[in-house]
N, C-alpha and C. Protein backbone atom coordinates (compact mmCIF):
# COMPACT_ATOMS: atom_id res chain seq x y z
N MET A 1 -60.13 -21.11 9.42
CA MET A 1 -59.68 -20.84 10.57
C MET A 1 -59.06 -20.31 10.54
N ALA A 2 -58.14 -19.79 11.27
CA ALA A 2 -56.63 -18.80 12.34
C ALA A 2 -55.91 -19.70 12.13
N GLN A 3 -54.74 -19.78 11.26
CA GLN A 3 -53.60 -20.45 11.45
C GLN A 3 -52.43 -19.40 12.41
N GLU A 4 -51.69 -20.32 13.26
CA GLU A 4 -50.21 -19.20 13.66
C GLU A 4 -50.02 -18.77 13.55
N PRO A 5 -48.96 -18.40 12.84
CA PRO A 5 -47.36 -18.12 12.35
C PRO A 5 -46.60 -19.52 12.68
N LYS A 6 -45.95 -19.54 11.75
CA LYS A 6 -44.94 -20.24 11.66
C LYS A 6 -43.50 -19.79 12.36
N ALA A 7 -42.71 -19.56 12.71
CA ALA A 7 -41.03 -20.06 13.87
C ALA A 7 -40.32 -20.22 12.40
N PRO A 8 -38.95 -19.38 12.27
CA PRO A 8 -38.79 -20.31 10.92
C PRO A 8 -38.19 -21.61 10.55
N GLY A 9 -38.46 -22.06 9.76
CA GLY A 9 -37.93 -23.62 9.96
C GLY A 9 -39.09 -24.09 10.33
N GLN A 10 -39.68 -24.05 10.57
CA GLN A 10 -41.94 -24.57 11.05
C GLN A 10 -42.05 -25.12 9.80
N ASP A 11 -41.96 -24.09 8.64
CA ASP A 11 -42.47 -25.17 7.63
C ASP A 11 -41.77 -26.60 6.28
N GLY A 12 -40.81 -26.28 7.22
CA GLY A 12 -39.67 -27.50 6.55
C GLY A 12 -39.00 -26.76 5.74
N LYS A 13 -38.42 -25.61 5.19
CA LYS A 13 -37.14 -24.81 4.77
C LYS A 13 -36.68 -23.87 5.62
N ALA A 14 -35.34 -24.30 5.68
CA ALA A 14 -34.31 -24.19 6.88
C ALA A 14 -34.01 -22.67 6.80
N PRO A 15 -34.46 -21.74 7.93
CA PRO A 15 -33.71 -20.65 7.83
C PRO A 15 -32.92 -20.07 7.15
N THR A 16 -33.03 -18.15 6.50
CA THR A 16 -31.68 -18.33 4.93
C THR A 16 -30.77 -18.12 6.21
N LEU A 17 -28.97 -17.51 5.11
CA LEU A 17 -28.38 -17.52 5.57
C LEU A 17 -27.96 -16.42 4.58
N LYS A 18 -27.63 -15.31 4.85
CA LYS A 18 -26.98 -14.12 3.85
C LYS A 18 -25.91 -13.95 3.96
N LEU A 19 -25.57 -14.32 2.87
CA LEU A 19 -23.47 -13.44 2.77
C LEU A 19 -24.02 -12.45 2.06
N GLU A 20 -23.44 -11.54 2.78
CA GLU A 20 -23.21 -9.30 1.45
C GLU A 20 -21.74 -9.28 2.06
N LEU A 21 -21.17 -9.62 0.65
CA LEU A 21 -20.60 -8.34 -0.26
C LEU A 21 -20.61 -7.55 0.78
N ASN A 22 -19.98 -6.96 1.48
CA ASN A 22 -20.34 -5.46 2.34
C ASN A 22 -19.27 -4.36 1.50
N ARG A 23 -17.31 -4.71 1.68
CA ARG A 23 -16.96 -3.41 1.51
C ARG A 23 -15.59 -4.38 0.61
N LEU A 24 -15.06 -3.72 -0.46
CA LEU A 24 -13.06 -4.47 -0.52
C LEU A 24 -12.83 -2.78 -0.92
N GLU A 25 -12.00 -2.77 -0.49
CA GLU A 25 -10.87 -2.17 0.14
C GLU A 25 -8.95 -2.35 -0.40
N PRO A 26 -8.27 -1.46 -0.45
CA PRO A 26 -6.66 -2.03 -0.97
C PRO A 26 -6.23 -2.63 -0.17
N ALA A 27 -5.85 -3.20 1.22
CA ALA A 27 -4.49 -3.80 1.48
C ALA A 27 -3.38 -4.47 0.39
N GLY A 28 -2.30 -3.04 0.19
CA GLY A 28 -0.94 -3.55 -0.52
C GLY A 28 -1.71 -3.68 -1.62
N GLU A 29 -0.42 -5.56 -2.05
CA GLU A 29 -1.00 -5.52 -3.09
C GLU A 29 -2.52 -6.54 -3.13
N ALA A 30 -2.88 -6.69 -2.65
CA ALA A 30 -4.34 -7.97 -2.08
C ALA A 30 -5.44 -6.46 -2.30
N CYS A 31 -6.52 -7.08 -2.03
CA CYS A 31 -7.73 -6.78 -1.83
C CYS A 31 -8.94 -7.41 -0.92
N ARG A 32 -8.71 -6.11 0.70
CA ARG A 32 -9.77 -7.19 1.44
C ARG A 32 -11.21 -6.59 1.33
N THR A 33 -11.66 -7.71 1.49
CA THR A 33 -12.45 -8.28 0.90
C THR A 33 -13.71 -8.36 2.85
N TYR A 34 -15.12 -7.31 2.96
CA TYR A 34 -15.58 -7.09 4.03
C TYR A 34 -16.79 -8.20 3.68
N LEU A 35 -17.38 -8.88 4.64
CA LEU A 35 -18.33 -10.14 4.49
C LEU A 35 -19.36 -10.82 5.07
N LEU A 36 -20.36 -9.28 5.25
CA LEU A 36 -21.22 -9.85 6.11
C LEU A 36 -22.50 -11.41 6.11
N VAL A 37 -21.75 -11.93 7.00
CA VAL A 37 -22.67 -13.26 7.96
C VAL A 37 -23.74 -12.66 8.69
N ASP A 38 -24.93 -12.66 8.12
CA ASP A 38 -26.20 -12.91 8.60
C ASP A 38 -27.54 -13.58 8.80
N ASN A 39 -26.95 -14.85 9.80
CA ASN A 39 -27.22 -15.60 10.39
C ASN A 39 -28.34 -15.38 11.31
N SER A 40 -29.40 -14.28 11.51
CA SER A 40 -29.76 -13.92 12.55
C SER A 40 -31.44 -14.86 12.72
N ARG A 41 -31.36 -15.42 12.02
CA ARG A 41 -32.59 -16.30 11.53
C ARG A 41 -32.01 -18.71 12.13
N GLY A 42 -31.01 -18.35 12.27
CA GLY A 42 -31.01 -19.74 12.05
C GLY A 42 -29.80 -20.18 13.21
N PRO A 43 -29.73 -21.49 13.12
CA PRO A 43 -28.90 -22.43 14.23
C PRO A 43 -27.88 -22.21 14.26
N ALA A 44 -26.06 -22.39 14.91
CA ALA A 44 -25.07 -22.21 14.91
C ALA A 44 -24.36 -23.07 14.29
N LEU A 45 -23.34 -22.61 13.76
CA LEU A 45 -22.52 -23.62 12.62
C LEU A 45 -20.93 -23.45 13.39
N LYS A 46 -20.92 -24.78 13.59
CA LYS A 46 -18.92 -24.50 14.06
C LYS A 46 -18.23 -25.11 13.21
N SER A 47 -18.21 -24.64 11.61
CA SER A 47 -17.83 -24.73 10.63
C SER A 47 -18.98 -24.01 9.24
N LEU A 48 -18.23 -23.35 8.63
CA LEU A 48 -19.06 -22.94 7.17
C LEU A 48 -17.06 -21.92 6.10
N LYS A 49 -16.83 -24.01 5.50
CA LYS A 49 -16.71 -22.88 4.49
C LYS A 49 -16.92 -22.74 3.59
N VAL A 50 -16.25 -22.28 2.54
CA VAL A 50 -17.16 -21.55 1.30
C VAL A 50 -15.63 -21.34 0.17
N ASP A 51 -16.48 -22.08 -1.41
CA ASP A 51 -15.63 -21.30 -2.19
C ASP A 51 -16.07 -20.92 -2.91
N LEU A 52 -15.24 -18.70 -2.92
CA LEU A 52 -15.38 -18.05 -3.26
C LEU A 52 -14.24 -17.62 -4.72
N PHE A 53 -14.30 -17.46 -5.99
CA PHE A 53 -14.08 -16.97 -7.26
C PHE A 53 -14.01 -15.58 -7.05
N ALA A 54 -12.96 -14.56 -7.74
CA ALA A 54 -12.74 -13.37 -7.94
C ALA A 54 -12.57 -13.47 -9.83
N PHE A 55 -14.29 -12.44 -10.36
CA PHE A 55 -13.71 -12.20 -11.72
C PHE A 55 -13.36 -10.70 -12.27
N ASP A 56 -12.81 -10.59 -12.83
CA ASP A 56 -12.40 -9.13 -13.26
C ASP A 56 -13.34 -8.33 -13.88
N THR A 57 -13.29 -6.84 -13.99
CA THR A 57 -14.56 -6.34 -14.91
C THR A 57 -14.45 -6.86 -16.38
N GLU A 58 -14.21 -7.79 -16.66
CA GLU A 58 -14.56 -8.70 -18.50
C GLU A 58 -15.11 -9.97 -18.68
N GLY A 59 -14.53 -10.35 -17.31
CA GLY A 59 -16.42 -11.30 -17.10
C GLY A 59 -14.33 -13.01 -16.57
N VAL A 60 -12.89 -12.20 -16.77
CA VAL A 60 -12.70 -13.38 -16.68
C VAL A 60 -12.22 -13.86 -15.34
N ALA A 61 -12.39 -15.11 -14.86
CA ALA A 61 -12.30 -16.00 -13.42
C ALA A 61 -10.29 -15.49 -13.02
N GLN A 62 -10.00 -15.26 -11.79
CA GLN A 62 -9.28 -13.93 -12.01
C GLN A 62 -8.76 -15.18 -10.38
N LYS A 63 -9.44 -15.23 -8.98
CA LYS A 63 -8.21 -16.04 -8.08
C LYS A 63 -9.39 -16.52 -7.84
N ARG A 64 -9.27 -18.20 -7.61
CA ARG A 64 -10.63 -18.21 -6.49
C ARG A 64 -9.77 -19.86 -5.02
N LEU A 65 -10.74 -18.55 -4.33
CA LEU A 65 -9.86 -18.75 -2.59
C LEU A 65 -11.27 -19.46 -1.57
N ALA A 66 -10.39 -20.51 -0.55
CA ALA A 66 -11.10 -20.99 0.16
C ALA A 66 -10.85 -20.46 1.62
N VAL A 67 -12.67 -20.15 1.91
CA VAL A 67 -12.74 -19.29 3.17
C VAL A 67 -13.60 -20.31 4.12
N GLU A 68 -12.76 -19.63 5.36
CA GLU A 68 -13.54 -20.45 6.81
C GLU A 68 -14.81 -18.82 7.36
N LEU A 69 -16.26 -19.10 7.13
CA LEU A 69 -16.06 -18.59 7.78
C LEU A 69 -17.25 -18.26 9.27
N GLY A 70 -16.94 -20.01 9.27
CA GLY A 70 -17.38 -20.00 11.48
C GLY A 70 -16.11 -19.65 11.93
N PRO A 71 -17.07 -19.81 13.48
CA PRO A 71 -17.35 -20.82 13.71
C PRO A 71 -18.98 -19.40 13.94
N VAL A 72 -20.44 -19.47 13.30
CA VAL A 72 -21.07 -19.25 13.41
C VAL A 72 -22.77 -18.71 14.09
N GLN A 73 -22.69 -18.75 14.99
CA GLN A 73 -23.27 -17.52 15.77
C GLN A 73 -24.44 -18.03 16.15
N ASP A 74 -26.01 -18.82 16.68
CA ASP A 74 -27.02 -18.97 16.39
C ASP A 74 -27.76 -17.39 16.89
N ARG A 75 -28.09 -17.31 15.48
CA ARG A 75 -29.67 -15.52 15.49
C ARG A 75 -27.75 -14.99 15.98
N LYS A 76 -26.92 -14.54 14.71
CA LYS A 76 -25.73 -13.50 15.24
C LYS A 76 -25.87 -13.60 14.09
N THR A 77 -25.25 -11.50 13.22
CA THR A 77 -25.00 -11.04 12.34
C THR A 77 -23.71 -11.03 13.10
N MET A 78 -22.94 -11.30 12.15
CA MET A 78 -21.50 -10.64 11.74
C MET A 78 -20.09 -10.44 10.76
N VAL A 79 -19.11 -10.01 10.77
CA VAL A 79 -18.01 -9.91 9.28
C VAL A 79 -17.48 -10.37 9.36
N ARG A 80 -15.68 -11.18 8.52
CA ARG A 80 -15.25 -10.93 8.25
C ARG A 80 -14.63 -11.06 7.36
N LEU A 81 -13.35 -10.40 7.77
CA LEU A 81 -13.24 -10.62 6.75
C LEU A 81 -11.26 -10.80 6.26
N PHE A 82 -11.13 -11.17 5.02
CA PHE A 82 -10.29 -11.92 3.59
C PHE A 82 -9.74 -10.53 3.07
N ASP A 83 -8.53 -11.78 2.18
CA ASP A 83 -7.96 -10.77 1.39
C ASP A 83 -7.66 -11.96 0.12
N PHE A 84 -7.95 -10.70 -1.85
CA PHE A 84 -8.24 -11.83 -2.44
C PHE A 84 -6.05 -11.33 -3.02
N PRO A 85 -5.74 -12.03 -3.10
CA PRO A 85 -4.15 -11.87 -2.47
C PRO A 85 -4.13 -11.29 -4.72
N ALA A 86 -2.74 -9.90 -4.32
CA ALA A 86 -2.31 -9.52 -5.89
C ALA A 86 -3.91 -8.96 -6.45
N LEU A 87 -4.84 -9.03 -6.36
CA LEU A 87 -5.52 -8.36 -7.42
C LEU A 87 -6.60 -6.61 -6.22
N ALA A 88 -6.35 -6.02 -7.62
CA ALA A 88 -6.83 -4.29 -6.79
C ALA A 88 -8.35 -4.89 -6.84
N CYS A 89 -8.91 -4.27 -6.33
CA CYS A 89 -9.98 -4.35 -5.90
C CYS A 89 -11.03 -3.78 -6.72
N PRO A 90 -10.53 -1.98 -7.87
CA PRO A 90 -11.53 -1.91 -9.10
C PRO A 90 -11.13 -3.58 -9.80
N ARG A 91 -11.17 -3.72 -9.96
CA ARG A 91 -10.22 -5.16 -10.94
C ARG A 91 -11.55 -6.08 -11.18
N ILE A 92 -12.23 -6.53 -9.90
CA ILE A 92 -13.01 -6.84 -9.34
C ILE A 92 -14.05 -6.44 -9.64
N GLY A 93 -14.63 -7.54 -10.40
CA GLY A 93 -16.48 -6.78 -11.15
C GLY A 93 -17.55 -7.84 -10.53
N ARG A 94 -16.90 -9.06 -10.34
CA ARG A 94 -17.82 -9.77 -9.57
C ARG A 94 -17.13 -11.36 -8.41
N VAL A 95 -18.01 -11.59 -7.16
CA VAL A 95 -17.13 -12.64 -6.71
C VAL A 95 -18.84 -13.82 -6.80
N LEU A 96 -17.99 -14.58 -6.94
CA LEU A 96 -19.22 -16.21 -7.06
C LEU A 96 -18.89 -17.06 -6.31
N LEU A 97 -20.23 -17.57 -5.22
CA LEU A 97 -20.19 -18.19 -4.29
C LEU A 97 -20.37 -19.12 -5.36
N ASN A 98 -19.15 -20.13 -5.48
CA ASN A 98 -18.95 -21.39 -6.17
C ASN A 98 -19.41 -22.52 -5.31
N ASP A 99 -18.98 -23.17 -4.18
CA ASP A 99 -19.65 -24.10 -3.42
C ASP A 99 -19.26 -23.38 -2.22
N VAL A 100 -19.90 -24.67 -1.33
CA VAL A 100 -20.25 -24.92 0.14
C VAL A 100 -18.86 -25.65 0.60
N LEU A 101 -18.22 -25.78 0.47
CA LEU A 101 -16.83 -26.13 0.79
C LEU A 101 -17.19 -27.75 2.20
N ALA A 102 -17.89 -26.59 3.45
CA ALA A 102 -17.48 -27.27 4.50
C ALA A 102 -18.39 -27.03 5.40
N CYS A 103 -19.89 -27.65 6.09
CA CYS A 103 -21.05 -27.10 6.71
C CYS A 103 -21.18 -28.45 8.24
N GLU A 104 -21.06 -27.40 9.31
CA GLU A 104 -21.19 -28.38 10.21
C GLU A 104 -21.42 -27.79 11.51
N GLY A 105 -22.78 -28.20 12.33
CA GLY A 105 -23.01 -27.84 13.12
C GLY A 105 -25.07 -28.40 13.21
N GLY A 106 -25.06 -28.67 14.51
CA GLY A 106 -26.37 -29.47 15.06
C GLY A 106 -26.82 -30.64 13.32
N GLU A 107 -27.93 -30.12 12.61
CA GLU A 107 -28.75 -31.28 11.40
C GLU A 107 -27.97 -30.84 10.09
N ALA A 108 -26.87 -29.76 9.75
CA ALA A 108 -26.69 -29.13 8.96
C ALA A 108 -25.39 -29.82 8.00
N SER A 109 -26.26 -29.53 6.95
CA SER A 109 -24.70 -30.42 5.31
C SER A 109 -24.25 -29.67 4.62
N ARG A 110 -23.38 -30.13 4.03
CA ARG A 110 -22.86 -28.72 2.76
C ARG A 110 -24.28 -28.60 2.15
N GLU A 111 -24.95 -29.78 1.60
CA GLU A 111 -25.73 -29.48 0.84
C GLU A 111 -26.66 -28.78 1.23
N ASN A 112 -27.59 -28.36 2.23
CA ASN A 112 -28.48 -28.23 2.44
C ASN A 112 -27.91 -26.42 3.38
N CYS A 113 -26.63 -26.37 3.29
CA CYS A 113 -25.91 -24.65 3.92
C CYS A 113 -25.95 -23.98 2.05
N LEU A 114 -25.83 -24.70 0.70
CA LEU A 114 -25.38 -23.37 -0.28
C LEU A 114 -27.12 -23.52 -0.45
N GLU A 115 -27.78 -24.87 -0.30
CA GLU A 115 -29.39 -23.94 0.05
C GLU A 115 -29.82 -22.82 0.81
N ARG A 116 -29.79 -22.93 1.59
CA ARG A 116 -29.88 -21.22 2.58
C ARG A 116 -29.47 -20.31 2.35
N ILE A 117 -28.50 -20.59 1.54
CA ILE A 117 -27.41 -18.69 1.01
C ILE A 117 -28.36 -18.15 0.23
N GLU A 118 -28.44 -17.06 0.33
CA GLU A 118 -28.35 -15.79 -0.79
C GLU A 118 -27.25 -15.24 -0.14
N THR A 119 -27.05 -14.26 -1.18
CA THR A 119 -26.01 -13.25 -1.36
C THR A 119 -26.37 -12.10 -1.77
N GLU A 120 -26.37 -11.19 -1.69
CA GLU A 120 -26.01 -9.93 -2.15
C GLU A 120 -24.62 -9.18 -2.19
N SER A 121 -24.93 -7.63 -2.33
CA SER A 121 -23.11 -6.81 -2.44
C SER A 121 -24.17 -5.32 -2.22
N LYS A 122 -23.50 -4.57 -1.45
CA LYS A 122 -23.39 -2.84 -1.67
C LYS A 122 -21.71 -2.82 -1.84
N THR A 123 -21.91 -3.36 -2.77
CA THR A 123 -19.77 -2.99 -3.21
C THR A 123 -20.52 -2.90 -5.03
N PRO A 124 -20.14 -2.13 -5.75
CA PRO A 124 -19.44 -1.70 -7.26
C PRO A 124 -19.85 -3.43 -7.98
N ALA A 125 -18.61 -3.84 -6.98
CA ALA A 125 -19.60 -6.02 -7.43
C ALA A 125 -19.93 -6.47 -7.51
N SER A 126 -20.73 -7.37 -8.25
CA SER A 126 -21.52 -7.87 -7.50
C SER A 126 -21.31 -9.79 -6.63
N PHE A 127 -22.37 -10.49 -5.84
CA PHE A 127 -21.76 -10.73 -5.49
C PHE A 127 -23.05 -12.21 -6.11
N VAL A 128 -23.09 -13.52 -6.49
CA VAL A 128 -23.89 -14.33 -6.80
C VAL A 128 -23.34 -15.83 -6.30
N ARG A 129 -24.16 -16.77 -6.45
CA ARG A 129 -24.38 -17.75 -6.03
C ARG A 129 -24.42 -18.59 -7.78
């Protein structure tokens, strides 16, 4: 029997929320970070707050930052900017998505938001969960 293709979320798995470390640029003593938030297949979120760590090129934790990425519209891609203070961009070797601190909207919970997130990087620094 032929089966109808399932719409995102109908297979019991929440649609992917992709976070892409898109660009790093100097901003005075800070490193300005461009984070692409791709929610092109998911429901809207009133709040999405993430806990990030920047590691230097030697793998040593340098800065921790809580960043509010919301509101995130349904089926929308956007760019959010924030700065890692007192950290030069060339020193950042890796950014870790340590946790989701808040996730609100629809049936969203902190835990299922973390499960939905996929990370990638277009910068020399890797972006991992």
